[in-house]
PDB file of N, CA and C in Angstrom:
ATOM      1  N   MET A   1      79.139 -13.362-123.213  1.00  0.00           N
ATOM      2  CA  MET A   1      78.159 -14.205-122.549  1.00  0.00           C
ATOM      3  C   MET A   1      76.765 -13.700-122.880  1.00  0.00           C
ATOM      4  N   GLU A   2      75.873 -14.610-123.245  1.00  0.00           N
ATOM      5  CA  GLU A   2      74.492 -14.284-123.570  1.00  0.00           C
ATOM      6  C   GLU A   2      73.720 -13.915-122.302  1.00  0.00           C
ATOM      7  N   PRO A   3      72.809 -12.936-122.398  1.00  0.00           N
ATOM      8  CA  PRO A   3      71.995 -12.619-121.215  1.00  0.00           C
ATOM      9  C   PRO A   3      71.036 -13.760-120.917  1.00  0.00           C
ATOM     10  N   ALA A   4      70.706 -13.922-119.666  1.00  0.00           N
ATOM     11  CA  ALA A   4      69.763 -14.964-119.240  1.00  0.00           C
ATOM     12  C   ALA A   4      68.365 -14.358-119.161  1.00  0.00           C
ATOM     13  N   TYR A   5      67.408 -15.103-119.652  1.00  0.00           N
ATOM     14  CA  TYR A   5      66.020 -14.666-119.591  1.00  0.00           C
ATOM     15  C   TYR A   5      65.227 -15.690-118.786  1.00  0.00           C
ATOM     16  N   PHE A   6      64.387 -15.179-117.921  1.00  0.00           N
ATOM     17  CA  PHE A   6      63.578 -16.058-117.089  1.00  0.00           C
ATOM     18  C   PHE A   6      62.111 -15.710-117.280  1.00  0.00           C
ATOM     19  N   ILE A   7      61.310 -16.728-117.365  1.00  0.00           N
ATOM     20  CA  ILE A   7      59.864 -16.535-117.421  1.00  0.00           C
ATOM     21  C   ILE A   7      59.291 -17.091-116.129  1.00  0.00           C
ATOM     22  N   TYR A   8      58.613 -16.227-115.402  1.00  0.00           N
ATOM     23  CA  TYR A   8      58.016 -16.655-114.141  1.00  0.00           C
ATOM     24  C   TYR A   8      56.531 -16.912-114.373  1.00  0.00           C
ATOM     25  N   LEU A   9      56.098 -18.075-114.006  1.00  0.00           N
ATOM     26  CA  LEU A   9      54.683 -18.407-114.124  1.00  0.00           C
ATOM     27  C   LEU A   9      54.029 -18.122-112.787  1.00  0.00           C
ATOM     28  N   ALA A  10      53.461 -16.953-112.679  1.00  0.00           N
ATOM     29  CA  ALA A  10      52.879 -16.530-111.418  1.00  0.00           C
ATOM     30  C   ALA A  10      51.398 -16.221-111.614  1.00  0.00           C
ATOM     31  N   HIS A  11      50.664 -16.385-110.567  1.00  0.00           N
ATOM     32  CA  HIS A  11      49.250 -16.047-110.564  1.00  0.00           C
ATOM     33  C   HIS A  11      48.995 -15.054-109.444  1.00  0.00           C
ATOM     34  N   ALA A  12      47.968 -14.260-109.620  1.00  0.00           N
ATOM     35  CA  ALA A  12      47.630 -13.236-108.639  1.00  0.00           C
ATOM     36  C   ALA A  12      46.307 -13.578-107.962  1.00  0.00           C
ATOM     37  N   ASP A  13      46.268 -13.393-106.662  1.00  0.00           N
ATOM     38  CA  ASP A  13      45.024 -13.563-105.917  1.00  0.00           C
ATOM     39  C   ASP A  13      44.158 -12.315-106.013  1.00  0.00           C
ATOM     40  N   LEU A  14      44.808 -11.176-106.247  1.00  0.00           N
ATOM     41  CA  LEU A  14      44.101  -9.904-106.336  1.00  0.00           C
ATOM     42  C   LEU A  14      44.755  -9.057-107.417  1.00  0.00           C
ATOM     43  N   ILE A  15      43.942  -8.550-108.331  1.00  0.00           N
ATOM     44  CA  ILE A  15      44.410  -7.615-109.357  1.00  0.00           C
ATOM     45  C   ILE A  15      43.604  -6.340-109.193  1.00  0.00           C
ATOM     46  N   ILE A  16      44.295  -5.216-109.052  1.00  0.00           N
ATOM     47  CA  ILE A  16      43.644  -3.913-108.942  1.00  0.00           C
ATOM     48  C   ILE A  16      43.928  -3.138-110.215  1.00  0.00           C
ATOM     49  N   CYS A  17      42.886  -2.854-110.953  1.00  0.00           N
ATOM     50  CA  CYS A  17      42.999  -2.094-112.200  1.00  0.00           C
ATOM     51  C   CYS A  17      42.629  -0.651-111.886  1.00  0.00           C
ATOM     52  N   ASP A  18      43.617   0.216-111.851  1.00  0.00           N
ATOM     53  CA  ASP A  18      43.432   1.603-111.440  1.00  0.00           C
ATOM     54  C   ASP A  18      43.474   2.526-112.654  1.00  0.00           C
ATOM     55  N   ASP A  19      42.394   3.251-112.868  1.00  0.00           N
ATOM     56  CA  ASP A  19      42.299   4.246-113.942  1.00  0.00           C
ATOM     57  C   ASP A  19      42.621   3.677-115.318  1.00  0.00           C
ATOM     58  N   VAL A  20      42.061   2.526-115.633  1.00  0.00           N
ATOM     59  CA  VAL A  20      42.295   1.955-116.966  1.00  0.00           C
ATOM     60  C   VAL A  20      41.443   2.661-118.023  1.00  0.00           C
ATOM     61  N   GLU A  21      40.336   3.250-117.599  1.00  0.00           N
ATOM     62  CA  GLU A  21      39.497   4.014-118.526  1.00  0.00           C
ATOM     63  C   GLU A  21      39.861   5.486-118.401  1.00  0.00           C
ATOM     64  N   VAL A  22      40.440   6.001-119.445  1.00  0.00           N
ATOM     65  CA  VAL A  22      40.780   7.421-119.529  1.00  0.00           C
ATOM     66  C   VAL A  22      40.242   7.920-120.877  1.00  0.00           C
ATOM     67  N   PRO A  23      40.177   9.226-121.087  1.00  0.00           N
ATOM     68  CA  PRO A  23      39.577   9.719-122.327  1.00  0.00           C
ATOM     69  C   PRO A  23      40.132   9.078-123.613  1.00  0.00           C
ATOM     70  N   ASN A  24      41.435   8.865-123.693  1.00  0.00           N
ATOM     71  CA  ASN A  24      41.962   8.318-124.953  1.00  0.00           C
ATOM     72  C   ASN A  24      41.773   6.807-125.087  1.00  0.00           C
ATOM     73  N   THR A  25      41.240   6.124-124.075  1.00  0.00           N
ATOM     74  CA  THR A  25      40.929   4.695-124.200  1.00  0.00           C
ATOM     75  C   THR A  25      39.429   4.429-124.201  1.00  0.00           C
ATOM     76  N   SER A  26      38.622   5.501-124.099  1.00  0.00           N
ATOM     77  CA  SER A  26      37.184   5.265-123.958  1.00  0.00           C
ATOM     78  C   SER A  26      36.304   6.214-124.766  1.00  0.00           C
ATOM     79  N   ASN A  27      36.887   7.015-125.628  1.00  0.00           N
ATOM     80  CA  ASN A  27      36.064   8.016-126.315  1.00  0.00           C
ATOM     81  C   ASN A  27      35.312   7.486-127.533  1.00  0.00           C
ATOM     82  N   THR A  28      35.514   6.214-127.893  1.00  0.00           N
ATOM     83  CA  THR A  28      34.704   5.591-128.944  1.00  0.00           C
ATOM     84  C   THR A  28      34.333   4.180-128.501  1.00  0.00           C
ATOM     85  N   SER A  29      33.277   3.642-129.085  1.00  0.00           N
ATOM     86  CA  SER A  29      32.866   2.283-128.719  1.00  0.00           C
ATOM     87  C   SER A  29      33.944   1.267-129.102  1.00  0.00           C
ATOM     88  N   ARG A  30      34.631   1.494-130.207  1.00  0.00           N
ATOM     89  CA  ARG A  30      35.704   0.564-130.626  1.00  0.00           C
ATOM     90  C   ARG A  30      36.853   0.582-129.625  1.00  0.00           C
ATOM     91  N   LYS A  31      37.240   1.761-129.148  1.00  0.00           N
ATOM     92  CA  LYS A  31      38.327   1.843-128.158  1.00  0.00           C
ATOM     93  C   LYS A  31      37.920   1.164-126.852  1.00  0.00           C
ATOM     94  N   ARG A  32      36.656   1.315-126.448  1.00  0.00           N
ATOM     95  CA  ARG A  32      36.201   0.652-125.222  1.00  0.00           C
ATOM     96  C   ARG A  32      36.229  -0.863-125.390  1.00  0.00           C
ATOM     97  N   GLU A  33      35.843  -1.355-126.560  1.00  0.00           N
ATOM     98  CA  GLU A  33      35.888  -2.799-126.797  1.00  0.00           C
ATOM     99  C   GLU A  33      37.330  -3.301-126.814  1.00  0.00           C
ATOM    100  N   MET A  34      38.236  -2.545-127.408  1.00  0.00           N
ATOM    101  CA  MET A  34      39.653  -2.933-127.413  1.00  0.00           C
ATOM    102  C   MET A  34      40.202  -2.973-125.987  1.00  0.00           C
ATOM    103  N   LEU A  35      39.794  -2.015-125.166  1.00  0.00           N
ATOM    104  CA  LEU A  35      40.226  -1.992-123.767  1.00  0.00           C
ATOM    105  C   LEU A  35      39.692  -3.217-123.034  1.00  0.00           C
ATOM    106  N   ARG A  36      38.422  -3.541-123.246  1.00  0.00           N
ATOM    107  CA  ARG A  36      37.854  -4.744-122.616  1.00  0.00           C
ATOM    108  C   ARG A  36      38.604  -6.000-123.043  1.00  0.00           C
ATOM    109  N   GLU A  37      38.969  -6.086-124.319  1.00  0.00           N
ATOM    110  CA  GLU A  37      39.720  -7.248-124.811  1.00  0.00           C
ATOM    111  C   GLU A  37      41.074  -7.359-124.110  1.00  0.00           C
ATOM    112  N   ARG A  38      41.769  -6.244-123.981  1.00  0.00           N
ATOM    113  CA  ARG A  38      43.078  -6.264-123.304  1.00  0.00           C
ATOM    114  C   ARG A  38      42.928  -6.649-121.835  1.00  0.00           C
ATOM    115  N   LEU A  39      41.901  -6.139-121.182  1.00  0.00           N
ATOM    116  CA  LEU A  39      41.702  -6.440-119.764  1.00  0.00           C
ATOM    117  C   LEU A  39      41.304  -7.896-119.539  1.00  0.00           C
ATOM    118  N   ARG A  40      40.638  -8.517-120.511  1.00  0.00           N
ATOM    119  CA  ARG A  40      40.275  -9.931-120.382  1.00  0.00           C
ATOM    120  C   ARG A  40      41.510 -10.824-120.281  1.00  0.00           C
ATOM    121  N   GLU A  41      42.636 -10.358-120.781  1.00  0.00           N
ATOM    122  CA  GLU A  41      43.866 -11.137-120.688  1.00  0.00           C
ATOM    123  C   GLU A  41      44.332 -11.301-119.246  1.00  0.00           C
ATOM    124  N   LEU A  42      43.869 -10.436-118.361  1.00  0.00           N
ATOM    125  CA  LEU A  42      44.214 -10.571-116.942  1.00  0.00           C
ATOM    126  C   LEU A  42      43.633 -11.847-116.346  1.00  0.00           C
ATOM    127  N   ASP A  43      42.578 -12.376-116.953  1.00  0.00           N
ATOM    128  CA  ASP A  43      41.980 -13.628-116.472  1.00  0.00           C
ATOM    129  C   ASP A  43      42.997 -14.769-116.453  1.00  0.00           C
ATOM    130  N   PHE A  44      43.985 -14.700-117.331  1.00  0.00           N
ATOM    131  CA  PHE A  44      44.978 -15.768-117.409  1.00  0.00           C
ATOM    132  C   PHE A  44      45.943 -15.782-116.222  1.00  0.00           C
ATOM    133  N   ILE A  45      46.088 -14.639-115.542  1.00  0.00           N
ATOM    134  CA  ILE A  45      46.996 -14.623-114.388  1.00  0.00           C
ATOM    135  C   ILE A  45      46.246 -14.591-113.056  1.00  0.00           C
ATOM    136  N   LEU A  46      44.938 -14.451-113.116  1.00  0.00           N
ATOM    137  CA  LEU A  46      44.143 -14.432-111.888  1.00  0.00           C
ATOM    138  C   LEU A  46      43.981 -15.851-111.356  1.00  0.00           C
ATOM    139  N   SER A  47      44.331 -16.047-110.104  1.00  0.00           N
ATOM    140  CA  SER A  47      44.190 -17.362-109.476  1.00  0.00           C
ATOM    141  C   SER A  47      42.727 -17.750-109.387  1.00  0.00           C
ATOM    142  N   PRO A  48      42.425 -19.044-109.442  1.00  0.00           N
ATOM    143  CA  PRO A  48      41.040 -19.473-109.226  1.00  0.00           C
ATOM    144  C   PRO A  48      40.551 -18.944-107.874  1.00  0.00           C
ATOM    145  N   GLY A  49      39.399 -18.338-107.868  1.00  0.00           N
ATOM    146  CA  GLY A  49      38.866 -17.757-106.640  1.00  0.00           C
ATOM    147  C   GLY A  49      39.417 -16.376-106.343  1.00  0.00           C
ATOM    148  N   GLY A  50      40.296 -15.861-107.215  1.00  0.00           N
ATOM    149  CA  GLY A  50      40.879 -14.535-107.017  1.00  0.00           C
ATOM    150  C   GLY A  50      39.880 -13.438-107.340  1.00  0.00           C
ATOM    151  N   ALA A  51      40.270 -12.211-107.063  1.00  0.00           N
ATOM    152  CA  ALA A  51      39.382 -11.070-107.285  1.00  0.00           C
ATOM    153  C   ALA A  51      40.068 -10.021-108.157  1.00  0.00           C
ATOM    154  N   MET A  52      39.259  -9.372-108.981  1.00  0.00           N
ATOM    155  CA  MET A  52      39.741  -8.272-109.802  1.00  0.00           C
ATOM    156  C   MET A  52      38.901  -7.050-109.444  1.00  0.00           C
ATOM    157  N   ILE A  53      39.560  -5.963-109.085  1.00  0.00           N
ATOM    158  CA  ILE A  53      38.876  -4.744-108.671  1.00  0.00           C
ATOM    159  C   ILE A  53      39.226  -3.639-109.662  1.00  0.00           C
ATOM    160  N   TYR A  54      38.207  -2.912-110.106  1.00  0.00           N
ATOM    161  CA  TYR A  54      38.406  -1.775-110.996  1.00  0.00           C
ATOM    162  C   TYR A  54      38.141  -0.496-110.216  1.00  0.00           C
ATOM    163  N   ILE A  55      39.093   0.430-110.270  1.00  0.00           N
ATOM    164  CA  ILE A  55      38.976   1.716-109.593  1.00  0.00           C
ATOM    165  C   ILE A  55      39.200   2.801-110.635  1.00  0.00           C
ATOM    166  N   GLY A  56      38.322   3.773-110.704  1.00  0.00           N
ATOM    167  CA  GLY A  56      38.544   4.856-111.648  1.00  0.00           C
ATOM    168  C   GLY A  56      37.309   5.701-111.848  1.00  0.00           C
ATOM    169  N   THR A  57      37.484   6.737-112.619  1.00  0.00           N
ATOM    170  CA  THR A  57      36.408   7.667-112.927  1.00  0.00           C
ATOM    171  C   THR A  57      35.819   7.315-114.287  1.00  0.00           C
ATOM    172  N   PRO A  58      34.514   7.099-114.366  1.00  0.00           N
ATOM    173  CA  PRO A  58      33.896   6.856-115.667  1.00  0.00           C
ATOM    174  C   PRO A  58      34.028   8.099-116.546  1.00  0.00           C
ATOM    175  N   HIS A  59      34.345   7.894-117.813  1.00  0.00           N
ATOM    176  CA  HIS A  59      34.502   9.015-118.741  1.00  0.00           C
ATOM    177  C   HIS A  59      33.437   9.024-119.824  1.00  0.00           C
ATOM    178  N   THR A  60      32.485   8.114-119.751  1.00  0.00           N
ATOM    179  CA  THR A  60      31.397   8.045-120.719  1.00  0.00           C
ATOM    180  C   THR A  60      30.223   7.321-120.076  1.00  0.00           C
ATOM    181  N   THR A  61      29.034   7.518-120.615  1.00  0.00           N
ATOM    182  CA  THR A  61      27.872   6.793-120.082  1.00  0.00           C
ATOM    183  C   THR A  61      27.980   5.301-120.371  1.00  0.00           C
ATOM    184  N   GLU A  62      28.783   4.936-121.353  1.00  0.00           N
ATOM    185  CA  GLU A  62      29.003   3.526-121.693  1.00  0.00           C
ATOM    186  C   GLU A  62      30.296   3.015-121.052  1.00  0.00           C
ATOM    187  N   THR A  63      30.571   3.452-119.862  1.00  0.00           N
ATOM    188  CA  THR A  63      31.804   3.126-119.152  1.00  0.00           C
ATOM    189  C   THR A  63      32.029   1.619-119.017  1.00  0.00           C
ATOM    190  N   ILE A  64      33.285   1.223-119.031  1.00  0.00           N
ATOM    191  CA  ILE A  64      33.607  -0.191-118.809  1.00  0.00           C
ATOM    192  C   ILE A  64      33.450  -0.553-117.341  1.00  0.00           C
ATOM    193  N   TYR A  65      33.286   0.451-116.491  1.00  0.00           N
ATOM    194  CA  TYR A  65      33.138   0.183-115.057  1.00  0.00           C
ATOM    195  C   TYR A  65      31.730  -0.265-114.681  1.00  0.00           C
ATOM    196  N   LYS A  66      30.780  -0.187-115.589  1.00  0.00           N
ATOM    197  CA  LYS A  66      29.421  -0.635-115.293  1.00  0.00           C
ATOM    198  C   LYS A  66      29.419  -2.131-115.035  1.00  0.00           C
ATOM    199  N   VAL A  67      28.642  -2.538-114.066  1.00  0.00           N
ATOM    200  CA  VAL A  67      28.468  -3.962-113.794  1.00  0.00           C
ATOM    201  C   VAL A  67      27.412  -4.472-114.755  1.00  0.00           C
ATOM    202  N   GLN A  68      27.765  -5.515-115.499  1.00  0.00           N
ATOM    203  CA  GLN A  68      26.826  -6.075-116.451  1.00  0.00           C
ATOM    204  C   GLN A  68      26.032  -7.194-115.802  1.00  0.00           C
ATOM    205  N   ASP A  69      24.744  -7.249-116.141  1.00  0.00           N
ATOM    206  CA  ASP A  69      23.899  -8.328-115.626  1.00  0.00           C
ATOM    207  C   ASP A  69      24.377  -9.650-116.183  1.00  0.00           C
ATOM    208  N   SER A  70      24.371 -10.663-115.329  1.00  0.00           N
ATOM    209  CA  SER A  70      24.769 -12.007-115.759  1.00  0.00           C
ATOM    210  C   SER A  70      23.543 -12.714-116.312  1.00  0.00           C
ATOM    211  N   GLU A  71      23.753 -13.528-117.322  1.00  0.00           N
ATOM    212  CA  GLU A  71      22.633 -14.292-117.898  1.00  0.00           C
ATOM    213  C   GLU A  71      22.354 -15.536-117.075  1.00  0.00           C
ATOM    214  N   ASN A  72      23.218 -15.861-116.105  1.00  0.00           N
ATOM    215  CA  ASN A  72      23.044 -17.084-115.306  1.00  0.00           C
ATOM    216  C   ASN A  72      22.115 -16.824-114.147  1.00  0.00           C
TER     217      ASN A  72
END
């Protein structure tokens, strides 16, 4: 008998990103950009009006935890 595979289409009202920036993911500008790209994929599961919280220790002055000014 073949195994059954299920895909659940779920959305999250709250996503907590804990310690996503660590030395081996943030020690170069390219690694920080790659990390930002991967984290942007969370937007696809975040419910409209949902919140994403980042918790962690910055490991560089160019930390991904900095709040960027909006152009709007």
